[in-house]
Amino acid sequence: GYDVRQKPEIDQQETIHTKGCVAQFEKWLQDNLTIVAGVFIGIALLQIFGICLAQNLVSDIEAVRASW
């Protein structure tokens, strides 16, 4: 930012980010791994549930067609 280097060195270290995005993301991912895993498992279960409902609907439609 503007005039960051004019501040004392301690304030510079708090303002200037020296770590890369990938390294910080990996650290964040390790710190929040249980939450991220829980979200992914929840989404996967919802997707599987939707697939089961769709398959059930297809079976019901085929049963009605067969009875005509």
PDB file of N, CA and C in Angstrom:
ATOM      1  N   GLY A   1       0.810  -1.170   0.000  1.00  0.00           N
ATOM      2  CA  GLY A   1       0.000   0.000   0.000  1.00  0.00           C
ATOM      3  C   GLY A   1       0.865   1.250   0.000  1.00  0.00           C
ATOM      4  N   TYR A   2       0.218   2.356  -0.055  1.00  0.00           N
ATOM      5  CA  TYR A   2       0.887   3.646  -0.124  1.00  0.00           C
ATOM      6  C   TYR A   2       1.555   3.955   1.207  1.00  0.00           C
ATOM      7  N   ASP A   3       2.811   4.374   1.185  1.00  0.00           N
ATOM      8  CA  ASP A   3       3.607   4.780   2.351  1.00  0.00           C
ATOM      9  C   ASP A   3       3.818   3.654   3.368  1.00  0.00           C
ATOM     10  N   VAL A   4       3.693   2.419   2.973  1.00  0.00           N
ATOM     11  CA  VAL A   4       3.910   1.317   3.911  1.00  0.00           C
ATOM     12  C   VAL A   4       5.367   1.275   4.339  1.00  0.00           C
ATOM     13  N   ARG A   5       6.259   1.536   3.407  1.00  0.00           N
ATOM     14  CA  ARG A   5       7.685   1.453   3.729  1.00  0.00           C
ATOM     15  C   ARG A   5       8.161   2.642   4.544  1.00  0.00           C
ATOM     16  N   GLN A   6       7.334   3.647   4.716  1.00  0.00           N
ATOM     17  CA  GLN A   6       7.690   4.799   5.535  1.00  0.00           C
ATOM     18  C   GLN A   6       7.437   4.524   7.019  1.00  0.00           C
ATOM     19  N   LYS A   7       6.662   3.488   7.316  1.00  0.00           N
ATOM     20  CA  LYS A   7       6.329   3.137   8.697  1.00  0.00           C
ATOM     21  C   LYS A   7       7.507   2.417   9.343  1.00  0.00           C
ATOM     22  N   PRO A   8       7.491   2.295  10.679  1.00  0.00           N
ATOM     23  CA  PRO A   8       8.536   1.505  11.350  1.00  0.00           C
ATOM     24  C   PRO A   8       8.506   0.045  10.878  1.00  0.00           C
ATOM     25  N   GLU A   9       9.627  -0.650  11.043  1.00  0.00           N
ATOM     26  CA  GLU A   9       9.759  -2.012  10.516  1.00  0.00           C
ATOM     27  C   GLU A   9       8.743  -2.970  11.126  1.00  0.00           C
ATOM     28  N   ILE A  10       8.404  -2.783  12.374  1.00  0.00           N
ATOM     29  CA  ILE A  10       7.420  -3.665  13.019  1.00  0.00           C
ATOM     30  C   ILE A  10       6.063  -3.522  12.338  1.00  0.00           C
ATOM     31  N   ASP A  11       5.663  -2.295  12.037  1.00  0.00           N
ATOM     32  CA  ASP A  11       4.396  -2.074  11.344  1.00  0.00           C
ATOM     33  C   ASP A  11       4.445  -2.600   9.916  1.00  0.00           C
ATOM     34  N   GLN A  12       5.604  -2.541   9.290  1.00  0.00           N
ATOM     35  CA  GLN A  12       5.746  -3.073   7.937  1.00  0.00           C
ATOM     36  C   GLN A  12       5.499  -4.574   7.920  1.00  0.00           C
ATOM     37  N   GLN A  13       6.011  -5.287   8.910  1.00  0.00           N
ATOM     38  CA  GLN A  13       5.858  -6.740   8.950  1.00  0.00           C
ATOM     39  C   GLN A  13       4.402  -7.139   9.145  1.00  0.00           C
ATOM     40  N   GLU A  14       3.616  -6.295   9.793  1.00  0.00           N
ATOM     41  CA  GLU A  14       2.196  -6.592   9.971  1.00  0.00           C
ATOM     42  C   GLU A  14       1.396  -6.286   8.710  1.00  0.00           C
ATOM     43  N   THR A  15       1.891  -5.368   7.879  1.00  0.00           N
ATOM     44  CA  THR A  15       1.151  -4.927   6.702  1.00  0.00           C
ATOM     45  C   THR A  15       1.576  -5.654   5.436  1.00  0.00           C
ATOM     46  N   ILE A  16       2.866  -5.848   5.247  1.00  0.00           N
ATOM     47  CA  ILE A  16       3.376  -6.481   4.030  1.00  0.00           C
ATOM     48  C   ILE A  16       3.319  -7.996   4.198  1.00  0.00           C
ATOM     49  N   HIS A  17       2.634  -8.659   3.293  1.00  0.00           N
ATOM     50  CA  HIS A  17       2.491 -10.115   3.346  1.00  0.00           C
ATOM     51  C   HIS A  17       3.640 -10.745   2.562  1.00  0.00           C
ATOM     52  N   THR A  18       4.440 -11.544   3.248  1.00  0.00           N
ATOM     53  CA  THR A  18       5.617 -12.131   2.608  1.00  0.00           C
ATOM     54  C   THR A  18       5.421 -13.585   2.218  1.00  0.00           C
ATOM     55  N   LYS A  19       4.355 -14.214   2.677  1.00  0.00           N
ATOM     56  CA  LYS A  19       4.103 -15.616   2.338  1.00  0.00           C
ATOM     57  C   LYS A  19       3.226 -15.682   1.098  1.00  0.00           C
ATOM     58  N   GLY A  20       3.431 -16.705   0.295  1.00  0.00           N
ATOM     59  CA  GLY A  20       2.681 -16.858  -0.943  1.00  0.00           C
ATOM     60  C   GLY A  20       1.264 -17.347  -0.709  1.00  0.00           C
ATOM     61  N   CYS A  21       0.445 -17.189  -1.732  1.00  0.00           N
ATOM     62  CA  CYS A  21      -0.958 -17.587  -1.647  1.00  0.00           C
ATOM     63  C   CYS A  21      -1.104 -19.095  -1.451  1.00  0.00           C
ATOM     64  N   VAL A  22      -0.325 -19.871  -2.187  1.00  0.00           N
ATOM     65  CA  VAL A  22      -0.441 -21.327  -2.109  1.00  0.00           C
ATOM     66  C   VAL A  22      -0.042 -21.813  -0.723  1.00  0.00           C
ATOM     67  N   ALA A  23       1.035 -21.286  -0.187  1.00  0.00           N
ATOM     68  CA  ALA A  23       1.483 -21.696   1.148  1.00  0.00           C
ATOM     69  C   ALA A  23       0.448 -21.331   2.204  1.00  0.00           C
ATOM     70  N   GLN A  24      -0.114 -20.147   2.110  1.00  0.00           N
ATOM     71  CA  GLN A  24      -1.130 -19.733   3.078  1.00  0.00           C
ATOM     72  C   GLN A  24      -2.394 -20.571   2.934  1.00  0.00           C
ATOM     73  N   PHE A  25      -2.776 -20.900   1.694  1.00  0.00           N
ATOM     74  CA  PHE A  25      -3.953 -21.742   1.488  1.00  0.00           C
ATOM     75  C   PHE A  25      -3.732 -23.137   2.050  1.00  0.00           C
ATOM     76  N   GLU A  26      -2.547 -23.702   1.841  1.00  0.00           N
ATOM     77  CA  GLU A  26      -2.245 -25.024   2.395  1.00  0.00           C
ATOM     78  C   GLU A  26      -2.299 -25.005   3.915  1.00  0.00           C
ATOM     79  N   LYS A  27      -1.795 -23.949   4.527  1.00  0.00           N
ATOM     80  CA  LYS A  27      -1.845 -23.831   5.982  1.00  0.00           C
ATOM     81  C   LYS A  27      -3.291 -23.717   6.453  1.00  0.00           C
ATOM     82  N   TRP A  28      -4.088 -22.898   5.757  1.00  0.00           N
ATOM     83  CA  TRP A  28      -5.493 -22.741   6.125  1.00  0.00           C
ATOM     84  C   TRP A  28      -6.227 -24.068   5.979  1.00  0.00           C
ATOM     85  N   LEU A  29      -5.923 -24.811   4.898  1.00  0.00           N
ATOM     86  CA  LEU A  29      -6.572 -26.092   4.663  1.00  0.00           C
ATOM     87  C   LEU A  29      -6.229 -27.091   5.765  1.00  0.00           C
ATOM     88  N   GLN A  30      -4.980 -27.116   6.204  1.00  0.00           N
ATOM     89  CA  GLN A  30      -4.582 -28.010   7.287  1.00  0.00           C
ATOM     90  C   GLN A  30      -5.261 -27.615   8.597  1.00  0.00           C
ATOM     91  N   ASP A  31      -5.397 -26.323   8.832  1.00  0.00           N
ATOM     92  CA  ASP A  31      -6.029 -25.868  10.069  1.00  0.00           C
ATOM     93  C   ASP A  31      -7.526 -26.155  10.087  1.00  0.00           C
ATOM     94  N   ASN A  32      -8.163 -26.189   8.933  1.00  0.00           N
ATOM     95  CA  ASN A  32      -9.613 -26.363   8.841  1.00  0.00           C
ATOM     96  C   ASN A  32     -10.001 -27.649   8.128  1.00  0.00           C
ATOM     97  N   LEU A  33      -9.154 -28.653   8.215  1.00  0.00           N
ATOM     98  CA  LEU A  33      -9.373 -29.883   7.458  1.00  0.00           C
ATOM     99  C   LEU A  33     -10.669 -30.585   7.852  1.00  0.00           C
ATOM    100  N   THR A  34     -11.004 -30.617   9.126  1.00  0.00           N
ATOM    101  CA  THR A  34     -12.226 -31.310   9.546  1.00  0.00           C
ATOM    102  C   THR A  34     -13.468 -30.617   8.998  1.00  0.00           C
ATOM    103  N   ILE A  35     -13.469 -29.305   8.986  1.00  0.00           N
ATOM    104  CA  ILE A  35     -14.620 -28.565   8.462  1.00  0.00           C
ATOM    105  C   ILE A  35     -14.749 -28.785   6.960  1.00  0.00           C
ATOM    106  N   VAL A  36     -13.639 -28.689   6.252  1.00  0.00           N
ATOM    107  CA  VAL A  36     -13.655 -28.880   4.797  1.00  0.00           C
ATOM    108  C   VAL A  36     -14.097 -30.302   4.456  1.00  0.00           C
ATOM    109  N   ALA A  37     -13.578 -31.283   5.169  1.00  0.00           N
ATOM    110  CA  ALA A  37     -13.965 -32.675   4.918  1.00  0.00           C
ATOM    111  C   ALA A  37     -15.449 -32.881   5.209  1.00  0.00           C
ATOM    112  N   GLY A  38     -15.940 -32.292   6.291  1.00  0.00           N
ATOM    113  CA  GLY A  38     -17.357 -32.407   6.625  1.00  0.00           C
ATOM    114  C   GLY A  38     -18.256 -31.807   5.557  1.00  0.00           C
ATOM    115  N   VAL A  39     -17.859 -30.671   5.031  1.00  0.00           N
ATOM    116  CA  VAL A  39     -18.641 -30.030   3.971  1.00  0.00           C
ATOM    117  C   VAL A  39     -18.656 -30.904   2.721  1.00  0.00           C
ATOM    118  N   PHE A  40     -17.494 -31.438   2.337  1.00  0.00           N
ATOM    119  CA  PHE A  40     -17.437 -32.288   1.149  1.00  0.00           C
ATOM    120  C   PHE A  40     -18.237 -33.572   1.335  1.00  0.00           C
ATOM    121  N   ILE A  41     -18.178 -34.162   2.507  1.00  0.00           N
ATOM    122  CA  ILE A  41     -18.955 -35.380   2.760  1.00  0.00           C
ATOM    123  C   ILE A  41     -20.445 -35.070   2.724  1.00  0.00           C
ATOM    124  N   GLY A  42     -20.837 -33.933   3.313  1.00  0.00           N
ATOM    125  CA  GLY A  42     -22.242 -33.528   3.281  1.00  0.00           C
ATOM    126  C   GLY A  42     -22.744 -33.319   1.864  1.00  0.00           C
ATOM    127  N   ILE A  43     -21.960 -32.649   1.043  1.00  0.00           N
ATOM    128  CA  ILE A  43     -22.352 -32.426  -0.355  1.00  0.00           C
ATOM    129  C   ILE A  43     -22.434 -33.751  -1.102  1.00  0.00           C
ATOM    130  N   ALA A  44     -21.483 -34.645  -0.854  1.00  0.00           N
ATOM    131  CA  ALA A  44     -21.495 -35.949  -1.526  1.00  0.00           C
ATOM    132  C   ALA A  44     -22.736 -36.750  -1.134  1.00  0.00           C
ATOM    133  N   LEU A  45     -23.110 -36.713   0.143  1.00  0.00           N
ATOM    134  CA  LEU A  45     -24.304 -37.438   0.583  1.00  0.00           C
ATOM    135  C   LEU A  45     -25.563 -36.867  -0.059  1.00  0.00           C
ATOM    136  N   LEU A  46     -25.635 -35.550  -0.179  1.00  0.00           N
ATOM    137  CA  LEU A  46     -26.787 -34.942  -0.844  1.00  0.00           C
ATOM    138  C   LEU A  46     -26.856 -35.360  -2.314  1.00  0.00           C
ATOM    139  N   GLN A  47     -25.721 -35.427  -2.970  1.00  0.00           N
ATOM    140  CA  GLN A  47     -25.689 -35.851  -4.370  1.00  0.00           C
ATOM    141  C   GLN A  47     -26.136 -37.309  -4.507  1.00  0.00           C
ATOM    142  N   ILE A  48     -25.656 -38.163  -3.619  1.00  0.00           N
ATOM    143  CA  ILE A  48     -26.044 -39.579  -3.659  1.00  0.00           C
ATOM    144  C   ILE A  48     -27.536 -39.730  -3.386  1.00  0.00           C
ATOM    145  N   PHE A  49     -28.060 -38.952  -2.449  1.00  0.00           N
ATOM    146  CA  PHE A  49     -29.489 -38.981  -2.145  1.00  0.00           C
ATOM    147  C   PHE A  49     -30.302 -38.564  -3.373  1.00  0.00           C
ATOM    148  N   GLY A  50     -29.852 -37.534  -4.065  1.00  0.00           N
ATOM    149  CA  GLY A  50     -30.532 -37.091  -5.282  1.00  0.00           C
ATOM    150  C   GLY A  50     -30.507 -38.150  -6.367  1.00  0.00           C
ATOM    151  N   ILE A  51     -29.397 -38.843  -6.506  1.00  0.00           N
ATOM    152  CA  ILE A  51     -29.299 -39.922  -7.493  1.00  0.00           C
ATOM    153  C   ILE A  51     -30.271 -41.046  -7.147  1.00  0.00           C
ATOM    154  N   CYS A  52     -30.370 -41.387  -5.871  1.00  0.00           N
ATOM    155  CA  CYS A  52     -31.302 -42.440  -5.449  1.00  0.00           C
ATOM    156  C   CYS A  52     -32.748 -42.041  -5.732  1.00  0.00           C
ATOM    157  N   LEU A  53     -33.089 -40.777  -5.454  1.00  0.00           N
ATOM    158  CA  LEU A  53     -34.450 -40.322  -5.740  1.00  0.00           C
ATOM    159  C   LEU A  53     -34.738 -40.334  -7.239  1.00  0.00           C
ATOM    160  N   ALA A  54     -33.768 -39.942  -8.040  1.00  0.00           N
ATOM    161  CA  ALA A  54     -33.954 -39.962  -9.490  1.00  0.00           C
ATOM    162  C   ALA A  54     -34.143 -41.391  -9.994  1.00  0.00           C
ATOM    163  N   GLN A  55     -33.377 -42.319  -9.463  1.00  0.00           N
ATOM    164  CA  GLN A  55     -33.520 -43.720  -9.864  1.00  0.00           C
ATOM    165  C   GLN A  55     -34.883 -44.256  -9.448  1.00  0.00           C
ATOM    166  N   ASN A  56     -35.359 -43.865  -8.279  1.00  0.00           N
ATOM    167  CA  ASN A  56     -36.679 -44.277  -7.813  1.00  0.00           C
ATOM    168  C   ASN A  56     -37.760 -43.725  -8.740  1.00  0.00           C
ATOM    169  N   LEU A  57     -37.611 -42.477  -9.171  1.00  0.00           N
ATOM    170  CA  LEU A  57     -38.573 -41.877 -10.091  1.00  0.00           C
ATOM    171  C   LEU A  57     -38.583 -42.612 -11.426  1.00  0.00           C
ATOM    172  N   VAL A  58     -37.425 -42.964 -11.945  1.00  0.00           N
ATOM    173  CA  VAL A  58     -37.341 -43.712 -13.203  1.00  0.00           C
ATOM    174  C   VAL A  58     -38.037 -45.061 -13.051  1.00  0.00           C
ATOM    175  N   SER A  59     -37.828 -45.722 -11.938  1.00  0.00           N
ATOM    176  CA  SER A  59     -38.476 -47.025 -11.712  1.00  0.00           C
ATOM    177  C   SER A  59     -39.991 -46.877 -11.650  1.00  0.00           C
ATOM    178  N   ASP A  60     -40.475 -45.828 -10.988  1.00  0.00           N
ATOM    179  CA  ASP A  60     -41.921 -45.599 -10.909  1.00  0.00           C
ATOM    180  C   ASP A  60     -42.507 -45.309 -12.288  1.00  0.00           C
ATOM    181  N   ILE A  61     -41.814 -44.520 -13.089  1.00  0.00           N
ATOM    182  CA  ILE A  61     -42.296 -44.209 -14.438  1.00  0.00           C
ATOM    183  C   ILE A  61     -42.339 -45.473 -15.281  1.00  0.00           C
ATOM    184  N   GLU A  62     -41.325 -46.307 -15.190  1.00  0.00           N
ATOM    185  CA  GLU A  62     -41.313 -47.563 -15.948  1.00  0.00           C
ATOM    186  C   GLU A  62     -42.428 -48.492 -15.489  1.00  0.00           C
ATOM    187  N   ALA A  63     -42.742 -48.487 -14.195  1.00  0.00           N
ATOM    188  CA  ALA A  63     -43.822 -49.338 -13.687  1.00  0.00           C
ATOM    189  C   ALA A  63     -45.172 -48.858 -14.212  1.00  0.00           C
ATOM    190  N   VAL A  64     -45.372 -47.559 -14.278  1.00  0.00           N
ATOM    191  CA  VAL A  64     -46.632 -47.024 -14.801  1.00  0.00           C
ATOM    192  C   VAL A  64     -46.741 -47.310 -16.294  1.00  0.00           C
ATOM    193  N   ARG A  65     -45.651 -47.173 -17.029  1.00  0.00           N
ATOM    194  CA  ARG A  65     -45.660 -47.466 -18.468  1.00  0.00           C
ATOM    195  C   ARG A  65     -45.980 -48.940 -18.723  1.00  0.00           C
ATOM    196  N   ALA A  66     -45.463 -49.802 -17.876  1.00  0.00           N
ATOM    197  CA  ALA A  66     -45.684 -51.241 -18.065  1.00  0.00           C
ATOM    198  C   ALA A  66     -47.139 -51.619 -17.798  1.00  0.00           C
ATOM    199  N   SER A  67     -47.829 -50.842 -16.970  1.00  0.00           N
ATOM    200  CA  SER A  67     -49.213 -51.187 -16.633  1.00  0.00           C
ATOM    201  C   SER A  67     -50.202 -50.685 -17.678  1.00  0.00           C
ATOM    202  N   TRP A  68     -49.779 -49.914 -18.672  1.00  0.00           N
ATOM    203  CA  TRP A  68     -50.697 -49.422 -19.709  1.00  0.00           C
ATOM    204  C   TRP A  68     -51.063 -50.491 -20.636  1.00  0.00           C
TER     205      TRP A  68
END
